[in-house]
mmCIF file of all heavy atoms, coordinates in Angstrom:
data_MODEL
# 
_entry.id   MODEL 
# 
loop_
_atom_site.group_PDB 
_atom_site.id 
_atom_site.type_symbol 
_atom_site.label_atom_id 
_atom_site.label_alt_id 
_atom_site.label_comp_id 
_atom_site.label_asym_id 
_atom_site.label_entity_id 
_atom_site.label_seq_id 
_atom_site.pdbx_PDB_ins_code 
_atom_site.Cartn_x 
_atom_site.Cartn_y 
_atom_site.Cartn_z 
_atom_site.occupancy 
_atom_site.B_iso_or_equiv 
_atom_site.pdbx_formal_charge 
_atom_site.auth_seq_id 
_atom_site.auth_comp_id 
_atom_site.auth_asym_id 
_atom_site.auth_atom_id 
_atom_site.pdbx_PDB_model_num 
ATOM 1   N N   . GLU A 1 1  ? 0.767   -1.202 -0.031  1.00 0.00 ? 1  GLU A N   1 
ATOM 2   C CA  . GLU A 1 1  ? -0.010  -0.098 -0.012  1.00 0.00 ? 1  GLU A CA  1 
ATOM 3   C C   . GLU A 1 1  ? 0.885   1.346  0.080   1.00 0.00 ? 1  GLU A C   1 
ATOM 4   O O   . GLU A 1 1  ? 0.484   2.298  -0.595  1.00 0.00 ? 1  GLU A O   1 
ATOM 5   C CB  . GLU A 1 1  ? -0.997  0.001  1.160   1.00 0.00 ? 1  GLU A CB  1 
ATOM 6   C CG  . GLU A 1 1  ? -0.397  -0.163 2.484   1.00 0.00 ? 1  GLU A CG  1 
ATOM 7   C CD  . GLU A 1 1  ? -0.265  -1.590 2.995   1.00 0.00 ? 1  GLU A CD  1 
ATOM 8   O OE1 . GLU A 1 1  ? -0.403  -2.477 2.309   1.00 0.00 ? 1  GLU A OE1 1 
ATOM 9   O OE2 . GLU A 1 1  ? -0.079  -1.728 4.267   1.00 0.00 ? 1  GLU A OE2 1 
ATOM 10  N N   . TYR A 1 2  ? 2.034   1.219  0.627   1.00 0.00 ? 2  TYR A N   1 
ATOM 11  C CA  . TYR A 1 2  ? 3.013   2.384  0.649   1.00 0.00 ? 2  TYR A CA  1 
ATOM 12  C C   . TYR A 1 2  ? 3.436   2.581  -0.862  1.00 0.00 ? 2  TYR A C   1 
ATOM 13  O O   . TYR A 1 2  ? 3.569   3.808  -1.234  1.00 0.00 ? 2  TYR A O   1 
ATOM 14  C CB  . TYR A 1 2  ? 4.131   2.136  1.679   1.00 0.00 ? 2  TYR A CB  1 
ATOM 15  C CG  . TYR A 1 2  ? 5.076   3.264  1.665   1.00 0.00 ? 2  TYR A CG  1 
ATOM 16  C CD1 . TYR A 1 2  ? 4.856   4.452  2.369   1.00 0.00 ? 2  TYR A CD1 1 
ATOM 17  C CD2 . TYR A 1 2  ? 6.200   3.166  0.867   1.00 0.00 ? 2  TYR A CD2 1 
ATOM 18  C CE1 . TYR A 1 2  ? 5.692   5.499  2.266   1.00 0.00 ? 2  TYR A CE1 1 
ATOM 19  C CE2 . TYR A 1 2  ? 7.175   4.195  0.839   1.00 0.00 ? 2  TYR A CE2 1 
ATOM 20  C CZ  . TYR A 1 2  ? 6.862   5.337  1.575   1.00 0.00 ? 2  TYR A CZ  1 
ATOM 21  O OH  . TYR A 1 2  ? 7.824   6.530  1.555   1.00 0.00 ? 2  TYR A OH  1 
ATOM 22  N N   . LYS A 1 3  ? 3.845   1.522  -1.412  1.00 0.00 ? 3  LYS A N   1 
ATOM 23  C CA  . LYS A 1 3  ? 4.313   1.662  -2.826  1.00 0.00 ? 3  LYS A CA  1 
ATOM 24  C C   . LYS A 1 3  ? 3.238   2.186  -3.731  1.00 0.00 ? 3  LYS A C   1 
ATOM 25  O O   . LYS A 1 3  ? 3.609   2.973  -4.602  1.00 0.00 ? 3  LYS A O   1 
ATOM 26  C CB  . LYS A 1 3  ? 4.749   0.159  -3.327  1.00 0.00 ? 3  LYS A CB  1 
ATOM 27  C CG  . LYS A 1 3  ? 5.975   -0.382 -2.645  1.00 0.00 ? 3  LYS A CG  1 
ATOM 28  C CD  . LYS A 1 3  ? 6.172   -1.789 -3.130  1.00 0.00 ? 3  LYS A CD  1 
ATOM 29  C CE  . LYS A 1 3  ? 7.222   -2.439 -2.183  1.00 0.00 ? 3  LYS A CE  1 
ATOM 30  N NZ  . LYS A 1 3  ? 7.356   -3.843 -2.557  1.00 0.00 ? 3  LYS A NZ  1 
ATOM 31  N N   . LEU A 1 4  ? 1.989   1.729  -3.559  1.00 0.00 ? 4  LEU A N   1 
ATOM 32  C CA  . LEU A 1 4  ? 0.924   2.192  -4.396  1.00 0.00 ? 4  LEU A CA  1 
ATOM 33  C C   . LEU A 1 4  ? 0.725   3.738  -4.167  1.00 0.00 ? 4  LEU A C   1 
ATOM 34  O O   . LEU A 1 4  ? 0.554   4.580  -5.031  1.00 0.00 ? 4  LEU A O   1 
ATOM 35  C CB  . LEU A 1 4  ? -0.400  1.486  -4.195  1.00 0.00 ? 4  LEU A CB  1 
ATOM 36  C CG  . LEU A 1 4  ? -0.432  0.053  -4.696  1.00 0.00 ? 4  LEU A CG  1 
ATOM 37  C CD1 . LEU A 1 4  ? -1.627  -0.570 -4.211  1.00 0.00 ? 4  LEU A CD1 1 
ATOM 38  C CD2 . LEU A 1 4  ? -0.260  0.022  -6.139  1.00 0.00 ? 4  LEU A CD2 1 
ATOM 39  N N   . ALA A 1 5  ? 0.818   4.142  -2.915  1.00 0.00 ? 5  ALA A N   1 
ATOM 40  C CA  . ALA A 1 5  ? 0.732   5.584  -2.548  1.00 0.00 ? 5  ALA A CA  1 
ATOM 41  C C   . ALA A 1 5  ? 1.726   6.356  -3.149  1.00 0.00 ? 5  ALA A C   1 
ATOM 42  O O   . ALA A 1 5  ? 1.508   7.555  -3.638  1.00 0.00 ? 5  ALA A O   1 
ATOM 43  C CB  . ALA A 1 5  ? 0.533   5.757  -1.017  1.00 0.00 ? 5  ALA A CB  1 
ATOM 44  N N   . THR A 1 6  ? 2.953   5.975  -3.083  1.00 0.00 ? 6  THR A N   1 
ATOM 45  C CA  . THR A 1 6  ? 4.045   6.525  -3.717  1.00 0.00 ? 6  THR A CA  1 
ATOM 46  C C   . THR A 1 6  ? 3.913   6.675  -5.233  1.00 0.00 ? 6  THR A C   1 
ATOM 47  O O   . THR A 1 6  ? 4.223   7.725  -5.774  1.00 0.00 ? 6  THR A O   1 
ATOM 48  C CB  . THR A 1 6  ? 5.438   5.877  -3.346  1.00 0.00 ? 6  THR A CB  1 
ATOM 49  O OG1 . THR A 1 6  ? 5.579   5.785  -1.880  1.00 0.00 ? 6  THR A OG1 1 
ATOM 50  C CG2 . THR A 1 6  ? 6.604   6.529  -3.913  1.00 0.00 ? 6  THR A CG2 1 
ATOM 51  N N   . ILE A 1 7  ? 3.537   5.654  -5.858  1.00 0.00 ? 7  ILE A N   1 
ATOM 52  C CA  . ILE A 1 7  ? 3.246   5.638  -7.386  1.00 0.00 ? 7  ILE A CA  1 
ATOM 53  C C   . ILE A 1 7  ? 2.166   6.683  -7.646  1.00 0.00 ? 7  ILE A C   1 
ATOM 54  O O   . ILE A 1 7  ? 2.243   7.400  -8.548  1.00 0.00 ? 7  ILE A O   1 
ATOM 55  C CB  . ILE A 1 7  ? 2.896   4.236  -7.890  1.00 0.00 ? 7  ILE A CB  1 
ATOM 56  C CG1 . ILE A 1 7  ? 4.109   3.287  -7.806  1.00 0.00 ? 7  ILE A CG1 1 
ATOM 57  C CG2 . ILE A 1 7  ? 2.432   4.314  -9.307  1.00 0.00 ? 7  ILE A CG2 1 
ATOM 58  C CD1 . ILE A 1 7  ? 3.818   1.957  -7.970  1.00 0.00 ? 7  ILE A CD1 1 
ATOM 59  N N   . ASN A 1 8  ? 1.091   6.613  -6.897  1.00 0.00 ? 8  ASN A N   1 
ATOM 60  C CA  . ASN A 1 8  ? -0.013  7.461  -7.048  1.00 0.00 ? 8  ASN A CA  1 
ATOM 61  C C   . ASN A 1 8  ? 0.376   9.061  -7.072  1.00 0.00 ? 8  ASN A C   1 
ATOM 62  O O   . ASN A 1 8  ? -0.026  9.721  -7.813  1.00 0.00 ? 8  ASN A O   1 
ATOM 63  C CB  . ASN A 1 8  ? -1.055  7.230  -6.017  1.00 0.00 ? 8  ASN A CB  1 
ATOM 64  C CG  . ASN A 1 8  ? -2.294  7.946  -6.302  1.00 0.00 ? 8  ASN A CG  1 
ATOM 65  O OD1 . ASN A 1 8  ? -3.034  7.778  -7.312  1.00 0.00 ? 8  ASN A OD1 1 
ATOM 66  N ND2 . ASN A 1 8  ? -2.668  8.867  -5.406  1.00 0.00 ? 8  ASN A ND2 1 
ATOM 67  N N   . ALA A 1 9  ? 1.221   9.454  -6.087  1.00 0.00 ? 9  ALA A N   1 
ATOM 68  C CA  . ALA A 1 9  ? 1.630   10.817 -5.892  1.00 0.00 ? 9  ALA A CA  1 
ATOM 69  C C   . ALA A 1 9  ? 2.966   11.042 -6.502  1.00 0.00 ? 9  ALA A C   1 
ATOM 70  O O   . ALA A 1 9  ? 3.267   12.261 -6.657  1.00 0.00 ? 9  ALA A O   1 
ATOM 71  C CB  . ALA A 1 9  ? 1.596   11.107 -4.402  1.00 0.00 ? 9  ALA A CB  1 
ATOM 72  N N   . MET A 1 10 ? 3.683   10.123 -6.897  1.00 0.00 ? 10 MET A N   1 
ATOM 73  C CA  . MET A 1 10 ? 5.019   10.232 -7.486  1.00 0.00 ? 10 MET A CA  1 
ATOM 74  C C   . MET A 1 10 ? 5.898   10.954 -6.530  1.00 0.00 ? 10 MET A C   1 
ATOM 75  O O   . MET A 1 10 ? 6.822   11.808 -6.886  1.00 0.00 ? 10 MET A O   1 
ATOM 76  C CB  . MET A 1 10 ? 5.018   11.013 -8.821  1.00 0.00 ? 10 MET A CB  1 
ATOM 77  C CG  . MET A 1 10 ? 4.143   10.166 -9.827  1.00 0.00 ? 10 MET A CG  1 
ATOM 78  S SD  . MET A 1 10 ? 4.172   10.585 -11.538 1.00 0.00 ? 10 MET A SD  1 
ATOM 79  C CE  . MET A 1 10 ? 4.326   12.319 -11.697 1.00 0.00 ? 10 MET A CE  1 
ATOM 80  N N   . ARG A 1 11 ? 5.735   10.664 -5.251  1.00 0.00 ? 11 ARG A N   1 
ATOM 81  C CA  . ARG A 1 11 ? 6.580   11.193 -4.280  1.00 0.00 ? 11 ARG A CA  1 
ATOM 82  C C   . ARG A 1 11 ? 6.541   10.236 -3.010  1.00 0.00 ? 11 ARG A C   1 
ATOM 83  O O   . ARG A 1 11 ? 5.587   9.488  -2.888  1.00 0.00 ? 11 ARG A O   1 
ATOM 84  C CB  . ARG A 1 11 ? 6.333   12.591 -3.810  1.00 0.00 ? 11 ARG A CB  1 
ATOM 85  C CG  . ARG A 1 11 ? 4.898   12.787 -3.126  1.00 0.00 ? 11 ARG A CG  1 
ATOM 86  C CD  . ARG A 1 11 ? 4.623   14.230 -2.748  1.00 0.00 ? 11 ARG A CD  1 
ATOM 87  N NE  . ARG A 1 11 ? 3.211   14.354 -2.371  1.00 0.00 ? 11 ARG A NE  1 
ATOM 88  C CZ  . ARG A 1 11 ? 2.745   14.013 -1.193  1.00 0.00 ? 11 ARG A CZ  1 
ATOM 89  N NH1 . ARG A 1 11 ? 3.585   13.602 -0.144  1.00 0.00 ? 11 ARG A NH1 1 
ATOM 90  N NH2 . ARG A 1 11 ? 1.565   14.320 -0.763  1.00 0.00 ? 11 ARG A NH2 1 
ATOM 91  N N   . GLY A 1 12 ? 7.347   10.372 -2.048  1.00 0.00 ? 12 GLY A N   1 
ATOM 92  C CA  . GLY A 1 12 ? 7.309   9.599  -0.790  1.00 0.00 ? 12 GLY A CA  1 
ATOM 93  C C   . GLY A 1 12 ? 6.252   10.020 0.132   1.00 0.00 ? 12 GLY A C   1 
ATOM 94  O O   . GLY A 1 12 ? 5.754   11.167 0.069   1.00 0.00 ? 12 GLY A O   1 
ATOM 95  N N   . PHE A 1 13 ? 5.951   9.156  1.050   1.00 0.00 ? 13 PHE A N   1 
ATOM 96  C CA  . PHE A 1 13 ? 4.871   9.477  2.036   1.00 0.00 ? 13 PHE A CA  1 
ATOM 97  C C   . PHE A 1 13 ? 5.306   9.023  3.416   1.00 0.00 ? 13 PHE A C   1 
ATOM 98  O O   . PHE A 1 13 ? 6.228   8.097  3.438   1.00 0.00 ? 13 PHE A O   1 
ATOM 99  C CB  . PHE A 1 13 ? 3.674   8.629  1.802   1.00 0.00 ? 13 PHE A CB  1 
ATOM 100 C CG  . PHE A 1 13 ? 2.616   9.230  0.776   1.00 0.00 ? 13 PHE A CG  1 
ATOM 101 C CD1 . PHE A 1 13 ? 2.694   8.813  -0.599  1.00 0.00 ? 13 PHE A CD1 1 
ATOM 102 C CD2 . PHE A 1 13 ? 1.804   10.268 1.176   1.00 0.00 ? 13 PHE A CD2 1 
ATOM 103 C CE1 . PHE A 1 13 ? 1.800   9.437  -1.495  1.00 0.00 ? 13 PHE A CE1 1 
ATOM 104 C CE2 . PHE A 1 13 ? 0.974   10.830 0.296   1.00 0.00 ? 13 PHE A CE2 1 
ATOM 105 C CZ  . PHE A 1 13 ? 0.979   10.456 -0.981  1.00 0.00 ? 13 PHE A CZ  1 
ATOM 106 N N   . ALA A 1 14 ? 4.736   9.503  4.401   1.00 0.00 ? 14 ALA A N   1 
ATOM 107 C CA  . ALA A 1 14 ? 4.927   8.968  5.759   1.00 0.00 ? 14 ALA A CA  1 
ATOM 108 C C   . ALA A 1 14 ? 4.149   7.644  5.699   1.00 0.00 ? 14 ALA A C   1 
ATOM 109 O O   . ALA A 1 14 ? 3.131   7.580  5.135   1.00 0.00 ? 14 ALA A O   1 
ATOM 110 C CB  . ALA A 1 14 ? 4.324   9.832  6.852   1.00 0.00 ? 14 ALA A CB  1 
ATOM 111 N N   . LYS A 1 15 ? 4.663   6.625  6.421   1.00 0.00 ? 15 LYS A N   1 
ATOM 112 C CA  . LYS A 1 15 ? 3.984   5.273  6.411   1.00 0.00 ? 15 LYS A CA  1 
ATOM 113 C C   . LYS A 1 15 ? 2.689   5.265  6.950   1.00 0.00 ? 15 LYS A C   1 
ATOM 114 O O   . LYS A 1 15 ? 1.865   4.424  6.699   1.00 0.00 ? 15 LYS A O   1 
ATOM 115 C CB  . LYS A 1 15 ? 4.916   4.344  7.050   1.00 0.00 ? 15 LYS A CB  1 
ATOM 116 C CG  . LYS A 1 15 ? 6.268   4.133  6.337   1.00 0.00 ? 15 LYS A CG  1 
ATOM 117 C CD  . LYS A 1 15 ? 6.856   2.805  6.622   1.00 0.00 ? 15 LYS A CD  1 
ATOM 118 C CE  . LYS A 1 15 ? 8.271   2.621  6.100   1.00 0.00 ? 15 LYS A CE  1 
ATOM 119 N NZ  . LYS A 1 15 ? 8.461   3.028  4.745   1.00 0.00 ? 15 LYS A NZ  1 
ATOM 120 N N   . ASP A 1 16 ? 2.297   6.334  7.826   1.00 0.00 ? 16 ASP A N   1 
ATOM 121 C CA  . ASP A 1 16 ? 1.045   6.431  8.442   1.00 0.00 ? 16 ASP A CA  1 
ATOM 122 C C   . ASP A 1 16 ? 0.072   7.415  7.653   1.00 0.00 ? 16 ASP A C   1 
ATOM 123 O O   . ASP A 1 16 ? -0.954  7.797  8.276   1.00 0.00 ? 16 ASP A O   1 
ATOM 124 C CB  . ASP A 1 16 ? 1.117   6.746  9.899   1.00 0.00 ? 16 ASP A CB  1 
ATOM 125 C CG  . ASP A 1 16 ? 1.727   8.018  10.247  1.00 0.00 ? 16 ASP A CG  1 
ATOM 126 O OD1 . ASP A 1 16 ? 2.317   8.711  9.293   1.00 0.00 ? 16 ASP A OD1 1 
ATOM 127 O OD2 . ASP A 1 16 ? 1.638   8.522  11.355  1.00 0.00 ? 16 ASP A OD2 1 
ATOM 128 N N   . ASP A 1 17 ? 0.421   7.772  6.430   1.00 0.00 ? 17 ASP A N   1 
ATOM 129 C CA  . ASP A 1 17 ? -0.298  8.733  5.746   1.00 0.00 ? 17 ASP A CA  1 
ATOM 130 C C   . ASP A 1 17 ? -1.678  8.205  5.436   1.00 0.00 ? 17 ASP A C   1 
ATOM 131 O O   . ASP A 1 17 ? -1.840  6.874  5.140   1.00 0.00 ? 17 ASP A O   1 
ATOM 132 C CB  . ASP A 1 17 ? 0.434   9.195  4.493   1.00 0.00 ? 17 ASP A CB  1 
ATOM 133 C CG  . ASP A 1 17 ? -0.331  10.267 3.678   1.00 0.00 ? 17 ASP A CG  1 
ATOM 134 O OD1 . ASP A 1 17 ? -1.141  10.034 2.916   1.00 0.00 ? 17 ASP A OD1 1 
ATOM 135 O OD2 . ASP A 1 17 ? 0.125   11.418 3.919   1.00 0.00 ? 17 ASP A OD2 1 
ATOM 136 N N   . ILE A 1 18 ? -2.672  9.045  5.412   1.00 0.00 ? 18 ILE A N   1 
ATOM 137 C CA  . ILE A 1 18 ? -4.108  8.571  5.117   1.00 0.00 ? 18 ILE A CA  1 
ATOM 138 C C   . ILE A 1 18 ? -4.180  7.809  3.641   1.00 0.00 ? 18 ILE A C   1 
ATOM 139 O O   . ILE A 1 18 ? -4.956  6.930  3.576   1.00 0.00 ? 18 ILE A O   1 
ATOM 140 C CB  . ILE A 1 18 ? -5.129  9.728  5.233   1.00 0.00 ? 18 ILE A CB  1 
ATOM 141 C CG1 . ILE A 1 18 ? -6.483  9.242  5.163   1.00 0.00 ? 18 ILE A CG1 1 
ATOM 142 C CG2 . ILE A 1 18 ? -4.923  10.728 4.061   1.00 0.00 ? 18 ILE A CG2 1 
ATOM 143 C CD1 . ILE A 1 18 ? -6.933  8.491  6.431   1.00 0.00 ? 18 ILE A CD1 1 
ATOM 144 N N   . THR A 1 19 ? -3.391  8.234  2.782   1.00 0.00 ? 19 THR A N   1 
ATOM 145 C CA  . THR A 1 19 ? -3.386  7.676  1.418   1.00 0.00 ? 19 THR A CA  1 
ATOM 146 C C   . THR A 1 19 ? -2.983  6.239  1.505   1.00 0.00 ? 19 THR A C   1 
ATOM 147 O O   . THR A 1 19 ? -3.471  5.345  0.854   1.00 0.00 ? 19 THR A O   1 
ATOM 148 C CB  . THR A 1 19 ? -2.545  8.554  0.400   1.00 0.00 ? 19 THR A CB  1 
ATOM 149 O OG1 . THR A 1 19 ? -3.039  9.811  0.501   1.00 0.00 ? 19 THR A OG1 1 
ATOM 150 C CG2 . THR A 1 19 ? -2.660  7.915  -1.006  1.00 0.00 ? 19 THR A CG2 1 
ATOM 151 N N   . VAL A 1 20 ? -1.898  6.025  2.308   1.00 0.00 ? 20 VAL A N   1 
ATOM 152 C CA  . VAL A 1 20 ? -1.470  4.678  2.510   1.00 0.00 ? 20 VAL A CA  1 
ATOM 153 C C   . VAL A 1 20 ? -2.549  3.801  3.067   1.00 0.00 ? 20 VAL A C   1 
ATOM 154 O O   . VAL A 1 20 ? -2.807  2.732  2.604   1.00 0.00 ? 20 VAL A O   1 
ATOM 155 C CB  . VAL A 1 20 ? -0.130  4.529  3.345   1.00 0.00 ? 20 VAL A CB  1 
ATOM 156 C CG1 . VAL A 1 20 ? 0.279   3.093  3.688   1.00 0.00 ? 20 VAL A CG1 1 
ATOM 157 C CG2 . VAL A 1 20 ? 0.997   5.372  2.749   1.00 0.00 ? 20 VAL A CG2 1 
ATOM 158 N N   . ALA A 1 21 ? -3.185  4.353  4.064   1.00 0.00 ? 21 ALA A N   1 
ATOM 159 C CA  . ALA A 1 21 ? -4.377  3.562  4.767   1.00 0.00 ? 21 ALA A CA  1 
ATOM 160 C C   . ALA A 1 21 ? -5.469  3.333  3.696   1.00 0.00 ? 21 ALA A C   1 
ATOM 161 O O   . ALA A 1 21 ? -6.066  2.245  3.678   1.00 0.00 ? 21 ALA A O   1 
ATOM 162 C CB  . ALA A 1 21 ? -5.003  4.308  5.862   1.00 0.00 ? 21 ALA A CB  1 
ATOM 163 N N   . ARG A 1 22 ? -5.737  4.253  2.647   1.00 0.00 ? 22 ARG A N   1 
ATOM 164 C CA  . ARG A 1 22 ? -6.800  4.104  1.704   1.00 0.00 ? 22 ARG A CA  1 
ATOM 165 C C   . ARG A 1 22 ? -6.372  2.913  0.805   1.00 0.00 ? 22 ARG A C   1 
ATOM 166 O O   . ARG A 1 22 ? -7.262  2.203  0.456   1.00 0.00 ? 22 ARG A O   1 
ATOM 167 C CB  . ARG A 1 22 ? -7.004  5.406  1.039   1.00 0.00 ? 22 ARG A CB  1 
ATOM 168 C CG  . ARG A 1 22 ? -8.120  5.313  0.004   1.00 0.00 ? 22 ARG A CG  1 
ATOM 169 C CD  . ARG A 1 22 ? -9.501  4.952  0.691   1.00 0.00 ? 22 ARG A CD  1 
ATOM 170 N NE  . ARG A 1 22 ? -10.472 4.721  -0.264  1.00 0.00 ? 22 ARG A NE  1 
ATOM 171 C CZ  . ARG A 1 22 ? -11.294 3.663  -0.189  1.00 0.00 ? 22 ARG A CZ  1 
ATOM 172 N NH1 . ARG A 1 22 ? -11.417 2.816  0.814   1.00 0.00 ? 22 ARG A NH1 1 
ATOM 173 N NH2 . ARG A 1 22 ? -12.316 3.346  -1.170  1.00 0.00 ? 22 ARG A NH2 1 
ATOM 174 N N   . PHE A 1 23 ? -5.130  2.906  0.378   1.00 0.00 ? 23 PHE A N   1 
ATOM 175 C CA  . PHE A 1 23 ? -4.762  1.841  -0.482  1.00 0.00 ? 23 PHE A CA  1 
ATOM 176 C C   . PHE A 1 23 ? -4.840  0.531  0.226   1.00 0.00 ? 23 PHE A C   1 
ATOM 177 O O   . PHE A 1 23 ? -5.133  -0.487 -0.377  1.00 0.00 ? 23 PHE A O   1 
ATOM 178 C CB  . PHE A 1 23 ? -3.340  2.040  -1.062  1.00 0.00 ? 23 PHE A CB  1 
ATOM 179 C CG  . PHE A 1 23 ? -3.306  3.053  -2.345  1.00 0.00 ? 23 PHE A CG  1 
ATOM 180 C CD1 . PHE A 1 23 ? -2.832  4.166  -2.256  1.00 0.00 ? 23 PHE A CD1 1 
ATOM 181 C CD2 . PHE A 1 23 ? -3.759  2.442  -3.484  1.00 0.00 ? 23 PHE A CD2 1 
ATOM 182 C CE1 . PHE A 1 23 ? -2.776  5.053  -3.349  1.00 0.00 ? 23 PHE A CE1 1 
ATOM 183 C CE2 . PHE A 1 23 ? -3.838  3.194  -4.616  1.00 0.00 ? 23 PHE A CE2 1 
ATOM 184 C CZ  . PHE A 1 23 ? -3.253  4.586  -4.592  1.00 0.00 ? 23 PHE A CZ  1 
ATOM 185 N N   . ARG A 1 24 ? -4.411  0.452  1.502   1.00 0.00 ? 24 ARG A N   1 
ATOM 186 C CA  . ARG A 1 24 ? -4.561  -0.736 2.251   1.00 0.00 ? 24 ARG A CA  1 
ATOM 187 C C   . ARG A 1 24 ? -5.975  -1.193 2.246   1.00 0.00 ? 24 ARG A C   1 
ATOM 188 O O   . ARG A 1 24 ? -6.295  -2.458 2.101   1.00 0.00 ? 24 ARG A O   1 
ATOM 189 C CB  . ARG A 1 24 ? -4.024  -0.638 3.766   1.00 0.00 ? 24 ARG A CB  1 
ATOM 190 C CG  . ARG A 1 24 ? -4.079  -1.691 4.568   1.00 0.00 ? 24 ARG A CG  1 
ATOM 191 C CD  . ARG A 1 24 ? -3.624  -1.566 6.011   1.00 0.00 ? 24 ARG A CD  1 
ATOM 192 N NE  . ARG A 1 24 ? -2.360  -0.888 6.144   1.00 0.00 ? 24 ARG A NE  1 
ATOM 193 C CZ  . ARG A 1 24 ? -2.151  0.487  6.484   1.00 0.00 ? 24 ARG A CZ  1 
ATOM 194 N NH1 . ARG A 1 24 ? -3.287  1.114  6.913   1.00 0.00 ? 24 ARG A NH1 1 
ATOM 195 N NH2 . ARG A 1 24 ? -1.053  1.014  6.626   1.00 0.00 ? 24 ARG A NH2 1 
ATOM 196 N N   . SER A 1 25 ? -6.979  -0.287 2.563   1.00 0.00 ? 25 SER A N   1 
ATOM 197 C CA  . SER A 1 25 ? -8.394  -0.713 2.597   1.00 0.00 ? 25 SER A CA  1 
ATOM 198 C C   . SER A 1 25 ? -8.792  -1.212 1.243   1.00 0.00 ? 25 SER A C   1 
ATOM 199 O O   . SER A 1 25 ? -9.587  -2.122 1.002   1.00 0.00 ? 25 SER A O   1 
ATOM 200 C CB  . SER A 1 25 ? -9.100  0.503  2.994   1.00 0.00 ? 25 SER A CB  1 
ATOM 201 O OG  . SER A 1 25 ? -10.495 0.198  2.957   1.00 0.00 ? 25 SER A OG  1 
ATOM 202 N N   . LEU A 1 26 ? -8.451  -0.473 0.091   1.00 0.00 ? 26 LEU A N   1 
ATOM 203 C CA  . LEU A 1 26 ? -8.848  -0.851 -1.248  1.00 0.00 ? 26 LEU A CA  1 
ATOM 204 C C   . LEU A 1 26 ? -8.203  -2.263 -1.589  1.00 0.00 ? 26 LEU A C   1 
ATOM 205 O O   . LEU A 1 26 ? -8.938  -3.074 -2.134  1.00 0.00 ? 26 LEU A O   1 
ATOM 206 C CB  . LEU A 1 26 ? -8.372  0.141  -2.178  1.00 0.00 ? 26 LEU A CB  1 
ATOM 207 C CG  . LEU A 1 26 ? -9.177  1.474  -2.386  1.00 0.00 ? 26 LEU A CG  1 
ATOM 208 C CD1 . LEU A 1 26 ? -8.371  2.478  -3.204  1.00 0.00 ? 26 LEU A CD1 1 
ATOM 209 C CD2 . LEU A 1 26 ? -10.519 1.146  -2.963  1.00 0.00 ? 26 LEU A CD2 1 
ATOM 210 N N   . LEU A 1 27 ? -7.019  -2.418 -1.317  1.00 0.00 ? 27 LEU A N   1 
ATOM 211 C CA  . LEU A 1 27 ? -6.439  -3.799 -1.582  1.00 0.00 ? 27 LEU A CA  1 
ATOM 212 C C   . LEU A 1 27 ? -7.249  -4.906 -0.849  1.00 0.00 ? 27 LEU A C   1 
ATOM 213 O O   . LEU A 1 27 ? -7.427  -5.955 -1.416  1.00 0.00 ? 27 LEU A O   1 
ATOM 214 C CB  . LEU A 1 27 ? -4.950  -3.887 -1.232  1.00 0.00 ? 27 LEU A CB  1 
ATOM 215 C CG  . LEU A 1 27 ? -4.045  -3.091 -2.112  1.00 0.00 ? 27 LEU A CG  1 
ATOM 216 C CD1 . LEU A 1 27 ? -2.646  -2.870 -1.545  1.00 0.00 ? 27 LEU A CD1 1 
ATOM 217 C CD2 . LEU A 1 27 ? -3.977  -3.813 -3.472  1.00 0.00 ? 27 LEU A CD2 1 
ATOM 218 N N   . ARG A 1 28 ? -7.540  -4.654 0.404   1.00 0.00 ? 28 ARG A N   1 
ATOM 219 C CA  . ARG A 1 28 ? -8.269  -5.683 1.099   1.00 0.00 ? 28 ARG A CA  1 
ATOM 220 C C   . ARG A 1 28 ? -9.590  -5.885 0.570   1.00 0.00 ? 28 ARG A C   1 
ATOM 221 O O   . ARG A 1 28 ? -10.053 -7.105 0.298   1.00 0.00 ? 28 ARG A O   1 
ATOM 222 C CB  . ARG A 1 28 ? -8.378  -5.184 2.678   1.00 0.00 ? 28 ARG A CB  1 
ATOM 223 C CG  . ARG A 1 28 ? -9.135  -6.237 3.539   1.00 0.00 ? 28 ARG A CG  1 
ATOM 224 C CD  . ARG A 1 28 ? -9.422  -5.725 4.893   1.00 0.00 ? 28 ARG A CD  1 
ATOM 225 N NE  . ARG A 1 28 ? -9.930  -4.428 4.928   1.00 0.00 ? 28 ARG A NE  1 
ATOM 226 C CZ  . ARG A 1 28 ? -11.187 -4.021 4.744   1.00 0.00 ? 28 ARG A CZ  1 
ATOM 227 N NH1 . ARG A 1 28 ? -12.087 -5.000 4.406   1.00 0.00 ? 28 ARG A NH1 1 
ATOM 228 N NH2 . ARG A 1 28 ? -11.710 -2.794 4.803   1.00 0.00 ? 28 ARG A NH2 1 
ATOM 229 N N   . GLN A 1 29 ? -10.276 -4.790 0.262   1.00 0.00 ? 29 GLN A N   1 
ATOM 230 C CA  . GLN A 1 29 ? -11.699 -4.959 -0.393  1.00 0.00 ? 29 GLN A CA  1 
ATOM 231 C C   . GLN A 1 29 ? -11.653 -5.639 -1.709  1.00 0.00 ? 29 GLN A C   1 
ATOM 232 O O   . GLN A 1 29 ? -12.513 -6.520 -1.891  1.00 0.00 ? 29 GLN A O   1 
ATOM 233 C CB  . GLN A 1 29 ? -12.399 -3.563 -0.400  1.00 0.00 ? 29 GLN A CB  1 
ATOM 234 C CG  . GLN A 1 29 ? -12.767 -3.012 0.918   1.00 0.00 ? 29 GLN A CG  1 
ATOM 235 C CD  . GLN A 1 29 ? -13.191 -1.515 0.743   1.00 0.00 ? 29 GLN A CD  1 
ATOM 236 O OE1 . GLN A 1 29 ? -14.226 -1.372 0.205   1.00 0.00 ? 29 GLN A OE1 1 
ATOM 237 N NE2 . GLN A 1 29 ? -12.346 -0.540 1.302   1.00 0.00 ? 29 GLN A NE2 1 
ATOM 238 N N   . LEU A 1 30 ? -10.730 -5.165 -2.554  1.00 0.00 ? 30 LEU A N   1 
ATOM 239 C CA  . LEU A 1 30 ? -10.722 -5.752 -3.839  1.00 0.00 ? 30 LEU A CA  1 
ATOM 240 C C   . LEU A 1 30 ? -10.325 -7.183 -3.903  1.00 0.00 ? 30 LEU A C   1 
ATOM 241 O O   . LEU A 1 30 ? -10.900 -7.961 -4.657  1.00 0.00 ? 30 LEU A O   1 
ATOM 242 C CB  . LEU A 1 30 ? -9.827  -4.843 -4.852  1.00 0.00 ? 30 LEU A CB  1 
ATOM 243 C CG  . LEU A 1 30 ? -10.222 -3.537 -5.146  1.00 0.00 ? 30 LEU A CG  1 
ATOM 244 C CD1 . LEU A 1 30 ? -9.094  -2.677 -5.673  1.00 0.00 ? 30 LEU A CD1 1 
ATOM 245 C CD2 . LEU A 1 30 ? -11.418 -3.584 -6.125  1.00 0.00 ? 30 LEU A CD2 1 
# 
């Protein structure tokens, strides 16, 4: 999910960023 958030924004993120959590949730649901 961190990798997806980074690809999405084309920059790094804090590991607890809300976007990382959203990708985690999407991966689980999908």
